[in-house]
Amino acid sequence: MQAGRTLLVHGAAGSVGFIAVQLAVARGITVVGTAGEHDIERVTALGATAVRYGDGWAERVTAAAPRGVDFVFDASGGRARRLRHPRR
């Protein structure tokens, strides 16, 4: 990944996701991170755009990254729904 790309991190507030967000932001990568309501501020403080888990999360990711995401890192351990975004 390189600067200017967009990364979606599922589980951005967890141990592994938290580190992934920090590393990506340090490299100039735009990060959208999913998190629970109580962790939104924590993820935002890292420099990511935080979106809340739960119903409608895919729509919130699309709103946060209208041009789509280039990469997805799933640190949540769950099954992520496939998102369809227009290519850059």
Protein backbone atom coordinates (compact mmCIF):
# COMPACT_ATOMS: atom_id res chain seq x y z
CA MET A 1 0.00 0.00 0.00
CA GLN A 2 1.13 3.49 -0.67
CA ALA A 3 0.17 7.01 0.28
CA GLY A 4 -3.03 8.24 -1.29
CA ARG A 5 -4.76 4.85 -1.18
CA THR A 6 -7.74 4.03 1.04
CA LEU A 7 -7.82 1.19 3.54
CA LEU A 8 -10.88 -0.14 5.34
CA VAL A 9 -10.01 -1.67 8.73
CA HIS A 10 -12.73 -3.79 10.34
CA GLY A 11 -12.21 -3.91 14.08
CA ALA A 12 -10.13 -0.72 14.10
CA ALA A 13 -10.35 -0.29 17.89
CA GLY A 14 -9.07 -3.77 18.75
CA SER A 15 -5.41 -4.57 19.40
CA VAL A 16 -4.46 -5.60 15.86
CA GLY A 17 -6.78 -3.14 14.13
CA PHE A 18 -5.49 -0.30 16.30
CA ILE A 19 -1.92 -0.99 15.17
CA ALA A 20 -2.99 -1.38 11.53
CA VAL A 21 -4.65 2.04 11.64
CA GLN A 22 -1.55 3.66 13.16
CA LEU A 23 0.80 2.12 10.60
CA ALA A 24 -1.42 3.04 7.66
CA VAL A 25 -1.98 6.63 8.79
CA ALA A 26 1.79 7.04 9.32
CA ARG A 27 2.30 5.98 5.68
CA GLY A 28 -0.17 8.56 4.37
CA ILE A 29 -2.93 6.05 3.69
CA THR A 30 -6.52 7.21 4.18
CA VAL A 31 -8.14 4.90 6.72
CA VAL A 32 -11.80 4.15 7.34
CA GLY A 33 -12.17 2.06 10.48
CA THR A 34 -15.21 0.22 11.78
CA ALA A 35 -15.74 0.22 15.53
CA GLY A 36 -18.34 -0.03 18.24
CA GLU A 37 -20.13 3.14 19.33
CA HIS A 38 -17.98 3.42 22.46
CA ASP A 39 -14.73 3.31 20.40
CA ILE A 40 -15.54 5.87 17.68
CA GLU A 41 -13.57 8.69 19.35
CA ARG A 42 -10.59 6.40 19.95
CA VAL A 43 -10.38 5.44 16.26
CA THR A 44 -10.91 9.03 15.11
CA ALA A 45 -8.09 10.19 17.40
CA LEU A 46 -5.71 7.97 15.43
CA GLY A 47 -6.49 9.89 12.24
CA ALA A 48 -9.00 7.46 10.75
CA THR A 49 -12.57 8.10 9.71
CA ALA A 50 -14.52 5.95 12.15
CA VAL A 51 -17.81 4.31 11.24
CA ARG A 52 -20.08 2.48 13.65
CA TYR A 53 -20.74 -1.24 13.43
CA GLY A 54 -24.31 -2.41 13.17
CA ASP A 55 -27.13 -2.10 10.70
CA GLY A 56 -26.17 0.23 7.88
CA TRP A 57 -22.42 -0.04 8.38
CA ALA A 58 -21.79 -0.66 4.67
CA GLU A 59 -23.69 2.49 3.77
CA ARG A 60 -21.65 4.45 6.32
CA VAL A 61 -18.42 3.13 4.81
CA THR A 62 -19.63 4.12 1.35
CA ALA A 63 -20.45 7.62 2.63
CA ALA A 64 -17.00 7.90 4.25
CA ALA A 65 -15.20 6.66 1.11
CA PRO A 66 -17.45 7.52 -1.85
CA ARG A 67 -14.70 6.62 -4.34
CA GLY A 68 -14.34 3.22 -2.73
CA VAL A 69 -11.59 1.53 -0.77
CA ASP A 70 -8.47 0.00 -2.25
CA PHE A 71 -7.81 -2.55 0.48
CA VAL A 72 -9.70 -4.22 3.32
CA PHE A 73 -8.10 -5.53 6.50
CA ASP A 74 -10.45 -7.53 8.71
CA ALA A 75 -9.18 -7.58 12.28
CA SER A 76 -12.63 -8.27 13.70
CA GLY A 77 -12.56 -12.01 13.09
CA GLY A 78 -16.10 -11.85 11.72
CA ARG A 79 -17.47 -12.21 8.25
CA ALA A 80 -17.52 -8.89 6.43
CA ARG A 81 -20.17 -8.27 3.82
CA ARG A 82 -18.80 -7.62 0.37
CA LEU A 83 -18.89 -3.98 -0.61
CA ARG A 84 -19.15 -2.83 -4.19
CA HIS A 85 -17.48 0.46 -4.84
CA PRO A 86 -16.65 2.18 -8.11
CA ARG A 87 -13.01 1.86 -9.07
CA ARG A 88 -10.79 4.90 -8.90
